[in-house]
Amino acid sequence: MRRFTVHTLGGGRRVPPPSSSGAPGRTPGAPPRPPPGGRTYAAVDSRPAPGASADAPEHRTRGVVPVLAFAGIAVAVMQTLLVPVIKDLPALLTTSAADATWVLTATLLAGAVATPIMGRLGDLYGKRRMLLASLAVMVAGSLVCGFTDDLVVMIVGRALQGFGMGAIPLGIGIMRDLLPPRRLGSAMGLMSSSIGVGGGLALPAAALIAQHADWHALFFTAAGLGALSMLLTVLVVPESPLRAPGRFDRLGALGLSAGLVLLLLPVTKGGDWGWASTTTLGLFGGAVLVLGLWGVWELRIPAPLVDLRTTARREVLLTNLASIMVGVAFYAITLVLPQLLQLPRSTGHGLGMSMVVAGLCVAPLGVTMMFVAPLYARISARRGPKVSLMLGLLIIAAGYGAGLWMMSAAWQTVVISVVVGAGIGLAYSSLPTLIMGAVDPSETGAANGLNTLMRSIGTSVSSAVIGMVLAHTSVRAGTVEVPSMQGFRIAFLIATAAVLVGLALASFLPSRDRTKRPVLLASGGDTPDRQAAVTVRP
């Protein structure tokens, strides 16, 4: 009988213990009987994927973490790739300022749709395979954008770039399936934080490229990062041996996609259309209707795209709601500090920095997030992911609170970036562990995809609300309207309030001893149904 180990933090479906007939204590060919006091669960289908080994030895996973983290950073770059040239987009694309914002909105909408769908496809057909597909679509989108100045074609290319966001939940799922427990905490923390690391590091790099080269070079650089990530993934990352049962829910995917577009479109464009306009209110109403019908469908089918019953569990629901708040807090700093740094000193509150210097001042946000992953692993191992999440939220609140009075010099913005980055790094690192501690191993990709979607919703809400605040509190500087210091401070207060709401939600998460899931040891022998029996030791 061939056996392999599945390192996981999730639960499973209960099955009866093996019969005691035949050999003493076990059925011939059956998995080992659980120890006294243990419980037996049925794991996901343990058949290895084509070309994958069920054993995943240590030497085969040595480079998995940096390669997957690099993939996450590469796709996260799409979030802030165009920030340095936002104000120039209408002229570059020969269009109005309102229409130019579709270049940013398309990436957001596509990323929101892709994350849960690609996560589920990864559970069913192979996470590595879907990771490569996500990266390939991103590369194609980057090349489309790199060769055009047409608005419509640019929007299509940016939407294709957004599909790369599915790589982050897929990477987390691969880590869970392949890595031993001692490496899993810091690895998942780094992968989860890559969404912020890529966004933070992209700011100075994109500013440098945009300042010294044609702006299309931004897209060719993104395509190069994606292609390199694909090559490294093919060479280093083995396919996960786990597969979820069932078929892909096409109708559910269509319903979720339509509902998310109807929801996020007015969130991102409501400021331009008017929050009380017929279009905005109609789209919000349509979102409620479509997502409601989608929920009914998902509850009625045996293999849904998103298991809403699992999503409604307290630990999953509260973690996802807290993720929205963390997303709001993360995006606030990326909206405020670059503008503050680049505003001319003649405004009375601007710091008059160049595009590149402004990017370098904000870059510590991403760097700090990357370096707190090992710290998160230690805190989580000793105190649990709930404590690390709450600690991260407290640090974010402290950073924004201090920032209310620390926006008068460039070095102060660096301090704010470091403090807030450390908090966001801890919070983001905690989220996948909390999610995977509450879901079946067969739902890893879909569950993490949904959690990544929640963060995207948070950033969308943050962009809309803070953008509206800055517009309504702007002051005149010469012939133009510029954001005011009052607006920047209100934005920081909004981020602080979101963090405090997230802290309150996190406080209701089950404590560590109630959510801790020990390692599951799965035996994939030559039994007729080849389904692994999993023993959970209390």
Protein backbone atom coordinates (compact mmCIF):
# COMPACT_ATOMS: atom_id res chain seq x y z
CA MET A 1 0.00 0.00 0.00
CA ARG A 2 1.36 3.41 -0.92
CA ARG A 3 0.97 6.13 1.68
CA PHE A 4 1.46 9.85 1.65
CA THR A 5 1.08 12.72 4.05
CA VAL A 6 -1.30 15.62 3.55
CA HIS A 7 -0.43 18.60 5.71
CA THR A 8 -3.56 20.61 6.28
CA LEU A 9 -5.35 22.82 8.70
CA GLY A 10 -8.84 21.96 7.54
CA GLY A 11 -11.59 19.58 8.48
CA GLY A 12 -13.31 16.88 6.49
CA ARG A 13 -16.36 14.69 6.15
CA ARG A 14 -16.89 12.11 8.86
CA VAL A 15 -16.93 8.45 7.82
CA PRO A 16 -17.31 5.31 9.90
CA PRO A 17 -14.12 3.78 11.30
CA PRO A 18 -12.76 0.74 9.49
CA SER A 19 -14.24 -2.63 10.28
CA SER A 20 -12.46 -4.81 12.78
CA SER A 21 -12.95 -7.97 10.72
CA GLY A 22 -9.98 -9.68 9.11
CA ALA A 23 -6.58 -8.79 10.49
CA PRO A 24 -6.60 -7.69 14.12
CA GLY A 25 -7.65 -4.07 14.42
CA ARG A 26 -8.09 -3.35 10.71
CA THR A 27 -9.57 -4.53 7.44
CA PRO A 28 -7.07 -5.94 4.93
CA GLY A 29 -6.10 -3.13 2.58
CA ALA A 30 -7.87 -0.50 4.70
CA PRO A 31 -6.21 2.54 6.27
CA PRO A 32 -4.98 2.31 9.87
CA ARG A 33 -7.55 2.46 12.64
CA PRO A 34 -7.55 5.84 14.42
CA PRO A 35 -5.95 5.97 17.85
CA PRO A 36 -8.14 5.98 20.96
CA GLY A 37 -10.08 9.23 21.16
CA GLY A 38 -9.35 10.07 17.54
CA ARG A 39 -11.86 10.83 14.81
CA THR A 40 -11.89 9.60 11.24
CA TYR A 41 -12.69 11.77 8.24
CA ALA A 42 -12.81 11.20 4.51
CA ALA A 43 -10.30 13.35 2.72
CA VAL A 44 -10.45 14.58 -0.84
CA ASP A 45 -9.69 12.22 -3.68
CA SER A 46 -6.08 11.21 -3.09
CA ARG A 47 -5.30 10.15 -6.63
CA PRO A 48 -2.18 11.91 -7.88
CA ALA A 49 -2.67 14.31 -10.73
CA PRO A 50 -1.10 13.37 -14.06
CA GLY A 51 2.62 13.85 -13.72
CA ALA A 52 2.43 14.51 -9.98
CA SER A 53 3.78 12.44 -7.15
CA ALA A 54 1.72 11.73 -4.09
CA ASP A 55 4.71 12.00 -1.83
CA ALA A 56 6.09 15.54 -2.48
CA PRO A 57 9.47 14.89 -0.88
CA GLU A 58 11.41 17.72 0.76
CA HIS A 59 13.87 18.20 -2.10
CA ARG A 60 10.99 18.77 -4.53
CA THR A 61 9.52 21.63 -2.48
CA ARG A 62 12.65 23.62 -1.65
CA GLY A 63 12.04 26.32 -4.24
CA VAL A 64 8.25 26.26 -4.13
CA VAL A 65 7.80 29.13 -1.65
CA PRO A 66 9.93 31.80 -3.38
CA VAL A 67 8.59 30.86 -6.82
CA LEU A 68 4.96 31.03 -5.74
CA ALA A 69 5.58 34.26 -3.81
CA PHE A 70 7.18 35.73 -6.93
CA ALA A 71 4.09 34.74 -8.93
CA GLY A 72 1.88 36.48 -6.36
CA ILE A 73 4.01 39.62 -6.47
CA ALA A 74 4.02 39.59 -10.29
CA VAL A 75 0.22 39.57 -10.55
CA ALA A 76 -0.21 42.05 -7.69
CA VAL A 77 1.90 44.55 -9.64
CA MET A 78 -1.14 45.01 -11.90
CA GLN A 79 -2.91 46.91 -9.08
CA THR A 80 -0.53 49.87 -9.02
CA LEU A 81 1.13 49.54 -12.43
CA LEU A 82 -0.56 52.65 -13.81
CA VAL A 83 -0.65 54.78 -10.64
CA PRO A 84 2.30 56.93 -11.78
CA VAL A 85 0.54 57.82 -15.05
CA ILE A 86 -3.08 58.07 -13.86
CA LYS A 87 -3.26 61.82 -14.36
CA ASP A 88 -1.85 61.48 -17.89
CA LEU A 89 -4.14 58.67 -19.09
CA PRO A 90 -6.75 60.95 -20.76
CA ALA A 91 -4.05 62.51 -22.95
CA LEU A 92 -2.25 59.22 -23.59
CA LEU A 93 -5.45 57.48 -24.71
CA THR A 94 -7.11 60.54 -26.30
CA THR A 95 -10.21 60.28 -24.16
CA SER A 96 -11.99 61.94 -21.27
CA ALA A 97 -10.91 61.59 -17.65
CA ALA A 98 -14.09 59.66 -16.82
CA ASP A 99 -13.58 57.15 -19.63
CA ALA A 100 -9.89 56.75 -18.80
CA THR A 101 -10.78 55.37 -15.36
CA TRP A 102 -12.18 52.27 -17.11
CA VAL A 103 -8.57 51.22 -17.64
CA LEU A 104 -8.30 50.79 -13.85
CA THR A 105 -11.84 49.54 -13.26
CA ALA A 106 -11.52 46.72 -15.80
CA THR A 107 -8.57 45.19 -13.93
CA LEU A 108 -10.42 45.37 -10.63
CA LEU A 109 -13.59 43.74 -11.99
CA ALA A 110 -11.71 40.96 -13.79
CA GLY A 111 -9.62 40.20 -10.71
CA ALA A 112 -12.71 40.03 -8.50
CA VAL A 113 -14.39 37.58 -10.88
CA ALA A 114 -11.27 35.46 -11.46
CA THR A 115 -10.21 34.75 -7.88
CA PRO A 116 -13.08 32.49 -6.71
CA ILE A 117 -13.54 30.87 -10.13
CA MET A 118 -9.87 30.03 -10.67
CA GLY A 119 -9.67 28.79 -7.09
CA ARG A 120 -12.48 26.31 -7.70
CA LEU A 121 -11.03 25.22 -11.04
CA GLY A 122 -7.74 24.59 -9.25
CA ASP A 123 -9.47 22.38 -6.69
CA LEU A 124 -11.06 20.34 -9.48
CA TYR A 125 -8.40 20.16 -12.19
CA GLY A 126 -5.07 21.03 -10.59
CA LYS A 127 -3.87 24.17 -8.85
CA ARG A 128 -0.56 24.37 -10.70
CA ARG A 129 -2.31 24.01 -14.04
CA MET A 130 -4.71 26.85 -13.22
CA LEU A 131 -1.87 28.96 -11.83
CA LEU A 132 -0.09 28.71 -15.17
CA ALA A 133 -3.33 29.53 -16.98
CA SER A 134 -3.80 32.66 -14.83
CA LEU A 135 -0.27 33.82 -15.54
CA ALA A 136 -0.66 33.12 -19.26
CA VAL A 137 -3.78 35.26 -19.47
CA MET A 138 -1.99 38.05 -17.59
CA VAL A 139 0.94 37.94 -20.00
CA ALA A 140 -1.43 38.04 -22.98
CA GLY A 141 -3.21 41.05 -21.51
CA SER A 142 0.08 42.84 -20.89
CA LEU A 143 1.13 42.35 -24.51
CA VAL A 144 -2.23 43.58 -25.78
CA CYS A 145 -1.82 46.78 -23.72
CA GLY A 146 1.80 47.19 -24.77
CA PHE A 147 0.93 47.45 -28.46
CA THR A 148 -2.06 49.80 -28.36
CA ASP A 149 -3.13 53.38 -27.70
CA ASP A 150 -6.81 52.63 -28.31
CA LEU A 151 -9.03 52.95 -25.23
CA VAL A 152 -11.26 49.93 -25.93
CA VAL A 153 -8.35 47.61 -26.71
CA MET A 154 -6.52 48.90 -23.62
CA ILE A 155 -9.55 48.12 -21.44
CA VAL A 156 -9.68 44.57 -22.84
CA GLY A 157 -5.98 44.07 -22.17
CA ARG A 158 -6.27 45.42 -18.62
CA ALA A 159 -9.18 43.06 -17.95
CA LEU A 160 -7.01 40.14 -19.07
CA GLN A 161 -4.28 41.37 -16.72
CA GLY A 162 -6.77 41.29 -13.86
CA PHE A 163 -7.38 37.57 -14.35
CA GLY A 164 -3.88 36.97 -13.02
CA MET A 165 -5.12 37.71 -9.49
CA GLY A 166 -6.35 34.12 -9.30
CA ALA A 167 -2.71 33.09 -8.86
CA ILE A 168 -2.65 34.16 -5.20
CA PRO A 169 -5.32 31.80 -3.79
CA LEU A 170 -3.99 29.03 -6.05
CA GLY A 171 -0.49 29.52 -4.66
CA ILE A 172 -1.79 29.32 -1.09
CA GLY A 173 -3.59 26.09 -1.97
CA ILE A 174 -0.46 24.55 -3.48
CA MET A 175 1.52 25.41 -0.36
CA ARG A 176 -1.08 23.78 1.84
CA ASP A 177 -1.03 20.60 -0.24
CA LEU A 178 2.74 20.24 -0.56
CA LEU A 179 4.59 21.83 2.35
CA PRO A 180 5.32 20.31 5.77
CA PRO A 181 3.73 22.05 8.78
CA ARG A 182 6.98 23.64 9.99
CA ARG A 183 7.23 25.63 6.73
CA LEU A 184 3.56 26.25 6.11
CA GLY A 185 2.96 29.21 8.43
CA SER A 186 5.59 31.60 7.10
CA ALA A 187 5.06 30.39 3.52
CA MET A 188 1.33 31.11 3.52
CA GLY A 189 1.97 34.41 5.27
CA LEU A 190 4.36 35.48 2.52
CA MET A 191 2.01 34.34 -0.24
CA SER A 192 -0.99 36.07 1.29
CA SER A 193 1.01 39.28 1.75
CA SER A 194 2.25 39.22 -1.84
CA ILE A 195 -0.86 41.12 -2.91
CA GLY A 196 0.42 44.07 -0.89
CA VAL A 197 4.11 43.48 -1.52
CA GLY A 198 3.66 43.61 -5.29
CA GLY A 199 1.47 46.68 -5.11
CA GLY A 200 3.93 48.51 -2.85
CA LEU A 201 7.09 47.64 -4.74
CA ALA A 202 5.49 48.42 -8.10
CA LEU A 203 5.02 52.09 -7.23
CA PRO A 204 8.69 53.20 -7.36
CA ALA A 205 9.56 50.78 -10.17
CA ALA A 206 6.63 51.92 -12.33
CA ALA A 207 7.43 55.55 -11.57
CA LEU A 208 11.05 55.08 -12.64
CA ILE A 209 10.03 53.40 -15.90
CA ALA A 210 7.32 55.96 -16.68
CA GLN A 211 9.67 58.86 -16.01
CA HIS A 212 12.50 57.64 -18.25
CA ALA A 213 10.79 55.54 -20.96
CA ASP A 214 7.65 55.26 -23.04
CA TRP A 215 4.71 54.33 -20.82
CA HIS A 216 4.09 51.15 -22.84
CA ALA A 217 7.29 49.81 -21.29
CA LEU A 218 5.25 49.29 -18.11
CA PHE A 219 3.22 46.60 -19.86
CA PHE A 220 6.19 44.89 -21.46
CA THR A 221 7.84 44.75 -18.04
CA ALA A 222 4.70 43.17 -16.61
CA ALA A 223 4.65 40.62 -19.45
CA GLY A 224 8.29 39.76 -18.73
CA LEU A 225 7.54 39.22 -15.03
CA GLY A 226 4.63 36.96 -15.90
CA ALA A 227 6.62 34.93 -18.42
CA LEU A 228 9.49 34.49 -15.95
CA SER A 229 7.04 33.40 -13.28
CA MET A 230 5.52 30.82 -15.63
CA LEU A 231 8.96 29.42 -16.46
CA LEU A 232 9.94 29.14 -12.80
CA THR A 233 6.61 27.51 -11.95
CA VAL A 234 7.06 24.88 -14.65
CA LEU A 235 10.61 24.12 -13.50
CA VAL A 236 10.18 24.21 -9.72
CA VAL A 237 6.57 23.75 -8.59
CA PRO A 238 5.11 20.21 -8.69
CA GLU A 239 1.41 19.70 -9.24
CA SER A 240 -0.71 19.19 -6.14
CA PRO A 241 -1.86 15.57 -5.91
CA LEU A 242 -5.25 16.49 -4.43
CA ARG A 243 -8.48 16.83 -6.40
CA ALA A 244 -11.95 17.79 -5.28
CA PRO A 245 -14.89 15.62 -6.36
CA GLY A 246 -17.69 16.96 -8.55
CA ARG A 247 -17.97 19.10 -11.65
CA PHE A 248 -17.40 22.77 -12.31
CA ASP A 249 -20.51 24.84 -11.65
CA ARG A 250 -20.74 26.84 -14.88
CA LEU A 251 -24.07 28.47 -14.07
CA GLY A 252 -22.80 29.40 -10.62
CA ALA A 253 -19.68 30.95 -12.15
CA LEU A 254 -21.80 32.97 -14.58
CA GLY A 255 -24.13 34.13 -11.80
CA LEU A 256 -21.29 35.14 -9.48
CA SER A 257 -19.50 36.99 -12.29
CA ALA A 258 -22.63 38.92 -13.22
CA GLY A 259 -23.41 39.73 -9.59
CA LEU A 260 -19.90 40.96 -8.85
CA VAL A 261 -19.84 43.18 -11.94
CA LEU A 262 -23.23 44.65 -11.01
CA LEU A 263 -21.98 45.28 -7.46
CA LEU A 264 -18.47 46.60 -8.07
CA LEU A 265 -19.26 48.71 -11.13
CA PRO A 266 -21.36 51.27 -9.21
CA VAL A 267 -18.93 51.13 -6.28
CA THR A 268 -16.05 52.21 -8.53
CA LYS A 269 -17.98 54.54 -10.85
CA GLY A 270 -20.60 55.94 -8.47
CA GLY A 271 -18.55 59.06 -7.88
CA ASP A 272 -18.65 59.85 -11.61
CA TRP A 273 -22.27 58.85 -12.20
CA GLY A 274 -23.69 60.18 -8.94
CA TRP A 275 -24.50 57.95 -6.00
CA ALA A 276 -28.22 58.68 -6.28
CA SER A 277 -28.37 58.35 -10.07
CA THR A 278 -30.69 55.87 -11.73
CA THR A 279 -27.73 53.95 -13.18
CA THR A 280 -25.97 53.53 -9.84
CA LEU A 281 -29.08 52.55 -7.90
CA GLY A 282 -30.25 50.26 -10.70
CA LEU A 283 -26.95 48.39 -10.75
CA PHE A 284 -26.98 47.99 -6.96
CA GLY A 285 -30.53 46.63 -7.17
CA GLY A 286 -29.52 44.27 -9.95
CA ALA A 287 -26.59 43.04 -7.85
CA VAL A 288 -28.88 42.22 -4.94
CA LEU A 289 -31.27 40.32 -7.24
CA VAL A 290 -28.60 38.38 -9.16
CA LEU A 291 -26.52 37.48 -6.09
CA GLY A 292 -29.68 36.42 -4.25
CA LEU A 293 -30.68 34.07 -7.07
CA TRP A 294 -27.09 32.84 -7.28
CA GLY A 295 -27.15 32.03 -3.56
CA VAL A 296 -30.34 29.99 -3.94
CA TRP A 297 -28.77 28.05 -6.81
CA GLU A 298 -25.56 27.38 -4.89
CA LEU A 299 -27.51 25.98 -1.93
CA ARG A 300 -29.47 23.57 -4.16
CA ILE A 301 -26.69 21.86 -6.14
CA PRO A 302 -24.40 19.12 -4.75
CA ALA A 303 -21.10 20.60 -6.01
CA PRO A 304 -21.42 24.41 -5.82
CA LEU A 305 -18.84 26.92 -6.97
CA VAL A 306 -18.84 28.34 -3.42
CA ASP A 307 -20.09 26.27 -0.49
CA LEU A 308 -22.28 28.89 1.17
CA ARG A 309 -22.94 26.67 4.17
CA THR A 310 -19.22 26.57 4.85
CA THR A 311 -18.96 30.30 4.16
CA ALA A 312 -21.64 30.95 6.78
CA ARG A 313 -19.61 29.28 9.53
CA ARG A 314 -18.65 31.79 12.17
CA GLU A 315 -14.89 31.56 11.67
CA VAL A 316 -15.18 31.81 7.87
CA LEU A 317 -17.79 34.58 7.85
CA LEU A 318 -16.01 36.75 10.41
CA THR A 319 -12.63 36.25 8.72
CA ASN A 320 -14.05 37.33 5.36
CA LEU A 321 -15.73 40.39 6.86
CA ALA A 322 -12.48 41.33 8.62
CA SER A 323 -10.70 40.90 5.27
CA ILE A 324 -12.88 43.63 3.77
CA MET A 325 -11.80 45.98 6.55
CA VAL A 326 -8.13 45.16 6.02
CA GLY A 327 -8.58 45.83 2.30
CA VAL A 328 -10.04 49.26 3.09
CA ALA A 329 -7.07 50.06 5.35
CA PHE A 330 -4.47 48.82 2.85
CA TYR A 331 -5.70 50.89 -0.07
CA ALA A 332 -6.11 54.11 1.92
CA ILE A 333 -2.38 54.60 2.37
CA THR A 334 -1.63 53.93 -1.30
CA LEU A 335 -4.18 56.60 -2.26
CA VAL A 336 -3.09 59.28 0.22
CA LEU A 337 0.70 59.20 0.55
CA PRO A 338 1.69 59.35 -3.16
CA GLN A 339 -0.56 62.38 -3.68
CA LEU A 340 0.70 64.10 -0.54
CA LEU A 341 4.31 63.54 -1.56
CA GLN A 342 3.88 64.80 -5.13
CA LEU A 343 1.75 67.87 -4.45
CA PRO A 344 3.81 71.06 -4.94
CA ARG A 345 4.99 72.89 -1.84
CA SER A 346 3.12 75.96 -3.03
CA THR A 347 -0.12 74.31 -1.88
CA GLY A 348 1.01 74.73 1.73
CA HIS A 349 0.82 71.04 2.60
CA GLY A 350 2.35 69.22 -0.38
CA LEU A 351 5.90 67.87 -0.07
CA GLY A 352 6.98 68.56 -3.66
CA MET A 353 8.68 65.23 -4.35
CA SER A 354 9.25 63.67 -7.76
CA MET A 355 7.31 60.66 -8.93
CA VAL A 356 10.23 58.31 -8.23
CA VAL A 357 10.98 59.69 -4.76
CA ALA A 358 7.30 59.44 -3.85
CA GLY A 359 7.32 55.79 -4.90
CA LEU A 360 10.45 55.11 -2.85
CA CYS A 361 8.86 56.66 0.24
CA VAL A 362 5.85 54.34 -0.07
CA ALA A 363 7.89 51.25 -1.04
CA PRO A 364 8.61 50.30 2.63
CA LEU A 365 4.93 49.39 2.85
CA GLY A 366 5.51 46.35 0.64
CA VAL A 367 8.99 45.54 1.92
CA THR A 368 7.81 45.45 5.54
CA MET A 369 4.90 43.21 4.64
CA MET A 370 7.33 40.75 3.09
CA PHE A 371 9.63 40.64 6.11
CA VAL A 372 6.94 40.16 8.77
CA ALA A 373 5.90 36.75 7.37
CA PRO A 374 8.42 34.83 9.54
CA LEU A 375 7.35 36.88 12.57
CA TYR A 376 3.74 35.97 11.86
CA ALA A 377 4.65 32.28 11.77
CA ARG A 378 6.14 32.50 15.27
CA ILE A 379 3.22 34.44 16.72
CA SER A 380 0.67 32.17 15.11
CA ALA A 381 2.45 29.02 16.30
CA ARG A 382 2.43 30.25 19.89
CA ARG A 383 -0.81 32.21 20.11
CA GLY A 384 -2.83 31.27 17.06
CA PRO A 385 -3.84 33.19 13.90
CA LYS A 386 -6.61 35.07 15.72
CA VAL A 387 -4.08 36.78 17.97
CA SER A 388 -1.78 37.65 15.06
CA LEU A 389 -4.74 39.10 13.13
CA MET A 390 -5.80 41.26 16.06
CA LEU A 391 -2.21 42.36 16.69
CA GLY A 392 -1.86 43.33 13.05
CA LEU A 393 -5.06 45.37 13.18
CA LEU A 394 -3.87 47.19 16.32
CA ILE A 395 -0.58 48.07 14.62
CA ILE A 396 -2.43 49.40 11.55
CA ALA A 397 -4.63 51.55 13.78
CA ALA A 398 -1.54 52.89 15.58
CA GLY A 399 0.10 53.74 12.25
CA TYR A 400 -2.90 55.63 10.91
CA GLY A 401 -3.45 57.34 14.26
CA ALA A 402 0.13 58.60 14.30
CA GLY A 403 -0.19 59.56 10.65
CA LEU A 404 -2.82 62.15 11.48
CA TRP A 405 0.01 64.33 12.81
CA MET A 406 2.90 62.97 10.73
CA MET A 407 2.39 64.26 7.19
CA SER A 408 4.69 67.27 7.14
CA ALA A 409 7.95 65.61 5.97
CA ALA A 410 9.00 62.81 3.65
CA TRP A 411 10.67 60.81 6.43
CA GLN A 412 7.39 60.80 8.33
CA THR A 413 5.62 59.14 5.39
CA VAL A 414 8.32 56.44 5.43
CA VAL A 415 7.62 55.79 9.13
CA ILE A 416 3.90 55.54 8.46
CA SER A 417 4.54 53.12 5.58
CA VAL A 418 6.71 50.88 7.76
CA VAL A 419 4.25 50.75 10.68
CA VAL A 420 1.13 50.26 8.56
CA GLY A 421 2.97 47.74 6.36
CA ALA A 422 3.93 45.66 9.40
CA GLY A 423 0.32 45.58 10.57
CA ILE A 424 -1.11 44.73 7.17
CA GLY A 425 1.53 42.03 6.75
CA LEU A 426 0.49 40.37 10.01
CA ALA A 427 -3.21 40.70 9.19
CA TYR A 428 -2.91 39.41 5.62
CA SER A 429 -0.74 36.50 6.76
CA SER A 430 -3.36 35.41 9.30
CA LEU A 431 -6.29 35.26 6.90
CA PRO A 432 -5.49 32.06 4.91
CA THR A 433 -4.70 30.12 8.09
CA LEU A 434 -8.03 31.12 9.62
CA ILE A 435 -9.88 30.19 6.43
CA MET A 436 -8.14 26.84 5.94
CA GLY A 437 -8.65 25.96 9.58
CA ALA A 438 -12.38 25.95 8.92
CA VAL A 439 -12.86 24.39 5.46
CA ASP A 440 -12.48 20.96 3.93
CA PRO A 441 -9.20 20.34 2.09
CA SER A 442 -11.16 19.98 -1.15
CA GLU A 443 -12.35 23.59 -0.84
CA THR A 444 -8.96 25.23 -0.26
CA GLY A 445 -8.70 27.02 -3.59
CA ALA A 446 -12.29 28.23 -3.71
CA ALA A 447 -12.28 29.36 -0.07
CA ASN A 448 -9.06 31.33 -0.45
CA GLY A 449 -10.31 32.74 -3.73
CA LEU A 450 -13.40 34.04 -1.96
CA ASN A 451 -11.24 35.53 0.79
CA THR A 452 -9.07 37.30 -1.79
CA LEU A 453 -12.30 38.59 -3.35
CA MET A 454 -13.29 40.06 0.02
CA ARG A 455 -10.03 41.98 0.14
CA SER A 456 -10.67 43.26 -3.39
CA ILE A 457 -14.11 44.45 -2.34
CA GLY A 458 -12.45 46.28 0.54
CA THR A 459 -9.99 48.04 -1.76
CA SER A 460 -12.85 48.96 -4.14
CA VAL A 461 -14.88 50.47 -1.33
CA SER A 462 -11.81 52.28 -0.05
CA SER A 463 -11.06 53.73 -3.48
CA ALA A 464 -14.64 54.95 -3.94
CA VAL A 465 -15.16 56.41 -0.48
CA ILE A 466 -11.74 58.04 -0.08
CA GLY A 467 -11.82 59.32 -3.65
CA MET A 468 -15.16 60.97 -2.92
CA VAL A 469 -13.81 62.48 0.34
CA LEU A 470 -10.72 63.90 -1.35
CA ALA A 471 -12.83 65.36 -4.16
CA HIS A 472 -15.30 67.04 -1.79
CA THR A 473 -12.58 68.49 0.46
CA SER A 474 -10.28 69.70 -2.30
CA VAL A 475 -8.92 73.25 -2.35
CA ARG A 476 -7.95 75.52 -5.21
CA ALA A 477 -4.26 75.94 -5.97
CA GLY A 478 -3.90 78.37 -8.81
CA THR A 479 -6.17 77.15 -11.59
CA VAL A 480 -6.66 73.56 -10.38
CA GLU A 481 -8.32 71.74 -7.50
CA VAL A 482 -5.98 69.65 -5.31
CA PRO A 483 -6.63 67.39 -2.32
CA SER A 484 -6.48 69.19 1.01
CA MET A 485 -4.76 68.19 4.24
CA GLN A 486 -8.21 67.94 5.79
CA GLY A 487 -9.16 65.36 3.16
CA PHE A 488 -6.01 63.34 3.81
CA ARG A 489 -6.73 63.27 7.54
CA ILE A 490 -10.34 62.24 7.00
CA ALA A 491 -9.07 59.41 4.78
CA PHE A 492 -6.80 58.22 7.58
CA LEU A 493 -9.71 58.43 10.04
CA ILE A 494 -11.83 56.28 7.69
CA ALA A 495 -9.04 53.70 7.53
CA THR A 496 -8.72 53.75 11.33
CA ALA A 497 -12.47 53.24 11.72
CA ALA A 498 -12.38 50.30 9.29
CA VAL A 499 -9.53 48.73 11.27
CA LEU A 500 -11.45 49.10 14.54
CA VAL A 501 -14.48 47.41 12.96
CA GLY A 502 -12.19 44.61 11.79
CA LEU A 503 -10.76 44.33 15.30
CA ALA A 504 -14.25 43.98 16.75
CA LEU A 505 -15.09 41.26 14.21
CA ALA A 506 -11.85 39.41 14.91
CA SER A 507 -12.53 39.40 18.63
CA PHE A 508 -15.53 37.12 18.02
CA LEU A 509 -13.47 34.50 16.19
CA PRO A 510 -13.14 31.22 18.10
CA SER A 511 -10.06 31.02 20.27
CA ARG A 512 -7.08 28.93 19.23
CA ASP A 513 -8.01 25.78 21.10
CA ARG A 514 -11.35 25.69 19.32
CA THR A 515 -10.09 26.38 15.80
CA LYS A 516 -6.76 24.60 15.84
CA ARG A 517 -6.67 21.76 13.34
CA PRO A 518 -3.85 19.27 13.74
CA VAL A 519 -1.99 17.74 10.85
CA LEU A 520 -3.97 15.20 8.86
CA LEU A 521 -2.19 12.03 7.83
CA ALA A 522 -3.77 10.53 4.72
CA SER A 523 -3.19 7.06 3.36
CA GLY A 524 -3.67 6.69 -0.36
CA GLY A 525 -3.47 2.98 -0.89
CA ASP A 526 -4.79 0.71 -3.58
CA THR A 527 -8.24 0.51 -2.05
CA PRO A 528 -11.10 0.17 -4.51
CA ASP A 529 -12.28 3.76 -4.21
CA ARG A 530 -8.79 5.11 -3.46
CA GLN A 531 -10.25 7.53 -0.94
CA ALA A 532 -7.98 8.41 1.96
CA ALA A 533 -9.00 7.83 5.55
CA VAL A 534 -7.75 10.67 7.70
CA THR A 535 -7.11 10.50 11.39
CA VAL A 536 -7.46 13.66 13.44
CA ARG A 537 -5.66 13.47 16.74
CA PRO A 538 -7.15 15.66 19.46
